[in-house]
Amino acid sequence: MGDFRGIEEYIIELLSEEYPLTPKQLFLKLRKKLDTNISYEAFYQRIKLLKEKGVIEKYNKYYSLNLNWIRKSYIRYKEILNKYLHPETQNFFRRNPFY
């Protein structure tokens, strides 16, 4: 792996690009993307964790991102963006370029 993202982030990325997917489809795509030998058991633990956290959901035997999680994430990142775009924040970065 060339970066520091966790398996969970790659699962989210894959499900944002293509959905719904069965666990097997998702597992095979993940292994191909990461060029790694992650075990199915380790992969499935990550799936279970993401489901428990409400990030993904299962319908029949297919997984996709949870629409409520997408909405909450969008709202949260929009709030962060607005804070960073606020004039006081912009002035701070202008005054402290090597922050």
N, C-alpha and C. Protein backbone atom coordinates (compact mmCIF):
# COMPACT_ATOMS: atom_id res chain seq x y z
N MET A 1 0.85 -1.19 0.00
CA MET A 1 0.00 0.00 0.00
C MET A 1 0.88 1.24 0.00
N GLY A 2 0.57 2.16 -0.86
CA GLY A 2 1.37 3.35 -1.00
C GLY A 2 0.96 4.49 -0.09
N ASP A 3 -0.18 4.41 0.56
CA ASP A 3 -0.60 5.50 1.43
C ASP A 3 -1.07 4.93 2.76
N PHE A 4 -1.58 5.80 3.61
CA PHE A 4 -1.90 5.39 4.97
C PHE A 4 -3.39 5.16 5.21
N ARG A 5 -4.17 5.08 4.15
CA ARG A 5 -5.59 4.85 4.34
C ARG A 5 -5.82 3.43 4.82
N GLY A 6 -6.84 3.27 5.63
CA GLY A 6 -7.18 1.95 6.11
C GLY A 6 -8.09 1.23 5.15
N ILE A 7 -8.26 -0.05 5.41
CA ILE A 7 -9.11 -0.89 4.58
C ILE A 7 -10.52 -0.31 4.51
N GLU A 8 -10.99 0.23 5.64
CA GLU A 8 -12.35 0.79 5.68
C GLU A 8 -12.51 1.91 4.66
N GLU A 9 -11.50 2.76 4.55
CA GLU A 9 -11.59 3.86 3.59
C GLU A 9 -11.64 3.35 2.14
N TYR A 10 -10.90 2.30 1.87
CA TYR A 10 -10.94 1.72 0.53
C TYR A 10 -12.30 1.09 0.24
N ILE A 11 -12.90 0.47 1.25
CA ILE A 11 -14.23 -0.10 1.07
C ILE A 11 -15.23 1.01 0.76
N ILE A 12 -15.15 2.11 1.49
CA ILE A 12 -16.03 3.25 1.24
C ILE A 12 -15.80 3.80 -0.17
N GLU A 13 -14.55 3.92 -0.56
CA GLU A 13 -14.23 4.42 -1.90
C GLU A 13 -14.81 3.50 -2.98
N LEU A 14 -14.63 2.20 -2.81
CA LEU A 14 -15.15 1.25 -3.80
C LEU A 14 -16.67 1.33 -3.90
N LEU A 15 -17.34 1.41 -2.74
CA LEU A 15 -18.81 1.48 -2.76
C LEU A 15 -19.32 2.84 -3.23
N SER A 16 -18.48 3.84 -3.22
CA SER A 16 -18.90 5.13 -3.78
C SER A 16 -18.80 5.13 -5.30
N GLU A 17 -17.98 4.24 -5.83
CA GLU A 17 -17.80 4.15 -7.28
C GLU A 17 -18.74 3.14 -7.93
N GLU A 18 -19.05 2.07 -7.20
CA GLU A 18 -19.88 1.01 -7.77
C GLU A 18 -20.70 0.37 -6.66
N TYR A 19 -21.97 0.24 -6.87
CA TYR A 19 -22.85 -0.34 -5.85
C TYR A 19 -24.15 -0.79 -6.50
N PRO A 20 -24.87 -1.67 -5.88
CA PRO A 20 -24.51 -2.46 -4.71
C PRO A 20 -23.59 -3.61 -5.12
N LEU A 21 -22.84 -4.13 -4.14
CA LEU A 21 -21.92 -5.23 -4.39
C LEU A 21 -22.11 -6.31 -3.32
N THR A 22 -21.93 -7.54 -3.73
CA THR A 22 -21.93 -8.63 -2.76
C THR A 22 -20.61 -8.57 -2.00
N PRO A 23 -20.53 -9.19 -0.84
CA PRO A 23 -19.26 -9.22 -0.13
C PRO A 23 -18.13 -9.80 -0.98
N LYS A 24 -18.42 -10.85 -1.73
CA LYS A 24 -17.38 -11.46 -2.57
C LYS A 24 -16.90 -10.49 -3.64
N GLN A 25 -17.84 -9.80 -4.31
CA GLN A 25 -17.45 -8.83 -5.34
C GLN A 25 -16.59 -7.73 -4.73
N LEU A 26 -17.01 -7.24 -3.59
CA LEU A 26 -16.29 -6.16 -2.91
C LEU A 26 -14.90 -6.63 -2.50
N PHE A 27 -14.82 -7.84 -1.96
CA PHE A 27 -13.55 -8.41 -1.53
C PHE A 27 -12.58 -8.54 -2.70
N LEU A 28 -13.05 -9.05 -3.82
CA LEU A 28 -12.17 -9.23 -4.98
C LEU A 28 -11.70 -7.89 -5.53
N LYS A 29 -12.59 -6.91 -5.57
CA LYS A 29 -12.21 -5.57 -6.04
C LYS A 29 -11.20 -4.92 -5.10
N LEU A 30 -11.38 -5.13 -3.81
CA LEU A 30 -10.46 -4.57 -2.81
C LEU A 30 -9.08 -5.19 -2.96
N ARG A 31 -9.02 -6.50 -3.09
CA ARG A 31 -7.73 -7.18 -3.25
C ARG A 31 -7.02 -6.72 -4.51
N LYS A 32 -7.79 -6.53 -5.58
CA LYS A 32 -7.18 -6.07 -6.84
C LYS A 32 -6.67 -4.64 -6.70
N LYS A 33 -7.47 -3.78 -6.08
CA LYS A 33 -7.10 -2.37 -5.92
C LYS A 33 -5.85 -2.22 -5.04
N LEU A 34 -5.80 -3.00 -3.98
CA LEU A 34 -4.69 -2.87 -3.03
C LEU A 34 -3.50 -3.75 -3.37
N ASP A 35 -3.70 -4.71 -4.26
CA ASP A 35 -2.66 -5.66 -4.59
C ASP A 35 -2.09 -6.26 -3.31
N THR A 36 -3.01 -6.81 -2.49
CA THR A 36 -2.63 -7.36 -1.21
C THR A 36 -3.31 -8.71 -0.99
N ASN A 37 -2.86 -9.42 -0.02
CA ASN A 37 -3.43 -10.73 0.29
C ASN A 37 -4.26 -10.69 1.57
N ILE A 38 -5.03 -9.66 1.78
CA ILE A 38 -5.89 -9.59 2.95
C ILE A 38 -6.81 -10.81 2.96
N SER A 39 -6.98 -11.39 4.13
CA SER A 39 -7.85 -12.56 4.22
C SER A 39 -9.31 -12.15 4.17
N TYR A 40 -10.15 -13.08 3.76
CA TYR A 40 -11.58 -12.79 3.71
C TYR A 40 -12.11 -12.50 5.12
N GLU A 41 -11.58 -13.19 6.12
CA GLU A 41 -12.01 -12.97 7.50
C GLU A 41 -11.70 -11.55 7.96
N ALA A 42 -10.49 -11.08 7.67
CA ALA A 42 -10.10 -9.71 8.04
C ALA A 42 -10.96 -8.69 7.30
N PHE A 43 -11.19 -8.94 6.02
CA PHE A 43 -12.06 -8.08 5.22
C PHE A 43 -13.47 -8.03 5.82
N TYR A 44 -14.00 -9.21 6.13
CA TYR A 44 -15.38 -9.28 6.62
C TYR A 44 -15.53 -8.60 7.98
N GLN A 45 -14.48 -8.63 8.80
CA GLN A 45 -14.51 -7.89 10.08
C GLN A 45 -14.68 -6.39 9.82
N ARG A 46 -14.00 -5.89 8.80
CA ARG A 46 -14.11 -4.46 8.45
C ARG A 46 -15.52 -4.14 7.97
N ILE A 47 -16.10 -5.05 7.18
CA ILE A 47 -17.47 -4.86 6.69
C ILE A 47 -18.44 -4.81 7.87
N LYS A 48 -18.28 -5.74 8.80
CA LYS A 48 -19.14 -5.76 9.98
C LYS A 48 -19.02 -4.47 10.78
N LEU A 49 -17.80 -3.99 10.95
CA LEU A 49 -17.56 -2.75 11.69
C LEU A 49 -18.23 -1.56 11.00
N LEU A 50 -18.08 -1.46 9.68
CA LEU A 50 -18.70 -0.36 8.94
C LEU A 50 -20.22 -0.43 9.01
N LYS A 51 -20.76 -1.63 9.02
CA LYS A 51 -22.21 -1.80 9.13
C LYS A 51 -22.68 -1.38 10.52
N GLU A 52 -21.95 -1.79 11.55
CA GLU A 52 -22.30 -1.41 12.93
C GLU A 52 -22.24 0.10 13.14
N LYS A 53 -21.30 0.75 12.47
CA LYS A 53 -21.15 2.21 12.57
C LYS A 53 -22.18 2.96 11.72
N GLY A 54 -22.94 2.24 10.91
CA GLY A 54 -23.95 2.88 10.07
C GLY A 54 -23.41 3.48 8.79
N VAL A 55 -22.19 3.12 8.43
CA VAL A 55 -21.57 3.65 7.21
C VAL A 55 -22.08 2.93 5.98
N ILE A 56 -22.24 1.62 6.09
CA ILE A 56 -22.76 0.84 4.98
C ILE A 56 -24.01 0.10 5.45
N GLU A 57 -24.77 -0.36 4.48
CA GLU A 57 -25.97 -1.13 4.81
C GLU A 57 -26.06 -2.31 3.88
N LYS A 58 -26.79 -3.31 4.34
CA LYS A 58 -26.94 -4.54 3.57
C LYS A 58 -28.41 -4.71 3.21
N TYR A 59 -28.65 -4.99 1.95
CA TYR A 59 -29.99 -5.28 1.48
C TYR A 59 -29.90 -6.60 0.74
N ASN A 60 -30.63 -7.60 1.25
CA ASN A 60 -30.47 -8.98 0.79
C ASN A 60 -29.00 -9.35 0.97
N LYS A 61 -28.30 -9.66 -0.09
CA LYS A 61 -26.89 -10.00 0.06
C LYS A 61 -25.96 -8.92 -0.51
N TYR A 62 -26.49 -7.73 -0.74
CA TYR A 62 -25.71 -6.65 -1.35
C TYR A 62 -25.43 -5.53 -0.36
N TYR A 63 -24.24 -4.95 -0.48
CA TYR A 63 -23.84 -3.82 0.35
C TYR A 63 -23.77 -2.54 -0.47
N SER A 64 -24.11 -1.44 0.19
CA SER A 64 -23.95 -0.11 -0.39
C SER A 64 -23.71 0.86 0.75
N LEU A 65 -23.33 2.08 0.40
CA LEU A 65 -23.18 3.10 1.44
C LEU A 65 -24.56 3.46 1.99
N ASN A 66 -24.61 3.77 3.25
CA ASN A 66 -25.84 4.18 3.91
C ASN A 66 -26.13 5.64 3.53
N LEU A 67 -27.28 5.88 2.96
CA LEU A 67 -27.62 7.22 2.51
C LEU A 67 -27.64 8.23 3.65
N ASN A 68 -28.07 7.83 4.82
CA ASN A 68 -28.04 8.75 5.97
C ASN A 68 -26.61 9.12 6.35
N TRP A 69 -25.71 8.16 6.27
CA TRP A 69 -24.30 8.44 6.56
C TRP A 69 -23.73 9.42 5.53
N ILE A 70 -24.10 9.23 4.27
CA ILE A 70 -23.64 10.14 3.21
C ILE A 70 -24.13 11.56 3.50
N ARG A 71 -25.40 11.69 3.86
CA ARG A 71 -25.96 13.01 4.17
C ARG A 71 -25.26 13.66 5.36
N LYS A 72 -25.06 12.90 6.43
CA LYS A 72 -24.39 13.43 7.62
C LYS A 72 -22.96 13.85 7.29
N SER A 73 -22.27 13.04 6.50
CA SER A 73 -20.89 13.36 6.11
C SER A 73 -20.86 14.64 5.28
N TYR A 74 -21.80 14.75 4.36
CA TYR A 74 -21.88 15.94 3.52
C TYR A 74 -22.08 17.18 4.38
N ILE A 75 -23.01 17.12 5.30
CA ILE A 75 -23.30 18.26 6.18
C ILE A 75 -22.07 18.61 7.01
N ARG A 76 -21.42 17.61 7.57
CA ARG A 76 -20.24 17.84 8.40
C ARG A 76 -19.12 18.48 7.60
N TYR A 77 -18.82 17.95 6.42
CA TYR A 77 -17.75 18.52 5.61
C TYR A 77 -18.11 19.91 5.08
N LYS A 78 -19.38 20.14 4.86
CA LYS A 78 -19.81 21.47 4.44
C LYS A 78 -19.57 22.48 5.57
N GLU A 79 -19.85 22.07 6.81
CA GLU A 79 -19.60 22.94 7.96
C GLU A 79 -18.10 23.24 8.09
N ILE A 80 -17.28 22.22 7.91
CA ILE A 80 -15.82 22.42 7.98
C ILE A 80 -15.37 23.38 6.89
N LEU A 81 -15.86 23.18 5.69
CA LEU A 81 -15.51 24.07 4.58
C LEU A 81 -15.91 25.50 4.89
N ASN A 82 -17.11 25.71 5.40
CA ASN A 82 -17.57 27.05 5.74
C ASN A 82 -16.69 27.70 6.79
N LYS A 83 -16.25 26.92 7.77
CA LYS A 83 -15.35 27.46 8.80
C LYS A 83 -14.03 27.91 8.19
N TYR A 84 -13.51 27.10 7.28
CA TYR A 84 -12.23 27.44 6.66
C TYR A 84 -12.36 28.61 5.69
N LEU A 85 -13.53 28.79 5.13
CA LEU A 85 -13.74 29.89 4.20
C LEU A 85 -14.14 31.18 4.89
N HIS A 86 -14.38 31.12 6.19
CA HIS A 86 -14.76 32.30 6.96
C HIS A 86 -13.62 33.32 6.91
N PRO A 87 -13.95 34.61 6.78
CA PRO A 87 -12.90 35.64 6.65
C PRO A 87 -11.87 35.63 7.79
N GLU A 88 -12.28 35.36 9.01
CA GLU A 88 -11.32 35.35 10.12
C GLU A 88 -10.30 34.23 9.95
N THR A 89 -10.75 33.09 9.49
CA THR A 89 -9.84 31.97 9.26
C THR A 89 -8.89 32.29 8.12
N GLN A 90 -9.42 32.88 7.06
CA GLN A 90 -8.58 33.25 5.93
C GLN A 90 -7.51 34.25 6.37
N ASN A 91 -7.89 35.21 7.21
CA ASN A 91 -6.92 36.19 7.70
C ASN A 91 -5.84 35.52 8.54
N PHE A 92 -6.21 34.53 9.34
CA PHE A 92 -5.22 33.82 10.15
C PHE A 92 -4.17 33.18 9.25
N PHE A 93 -4.61 32.51 8.21
CA PHE A 93 -3.67 31.82 7.32
C PHE A 93 -2.81 32.82 6.54
N ARG A 94 -3.36 33.96 6.23
CA ARG A 94 -2.57 34.99 5.54
C ARG A 94 -1.48 35.54 6.47
N ARG A 95 -1.84 35.71 7.75
CA ARG A 95 -0.88 36.25 8.73
C ARG A 95 0.14 35.20 9.15
N ASN A 96 -0.19 33.94 9.05
CA ASN A 96 0.66 32.84 9.50
C ASN A 96 0.89 31.83 8.37
N PRO A 97 1.64 32.21 7.34
CA PRO A 97 1.74 31.33 6.18
C PRO A 97 2.44 30.00 6.46
N PHE A 98 3.22 29.93 7.53
CA PHE A 98 3.93 28.68 7.83
C PHE A 98 3.33 27.97 9.02
N TYR A 99 2.08 28.26 9.29
CA TYR A 99 1.32 27.66 10.38
C TYR A 99 1.69 26.23 10.51
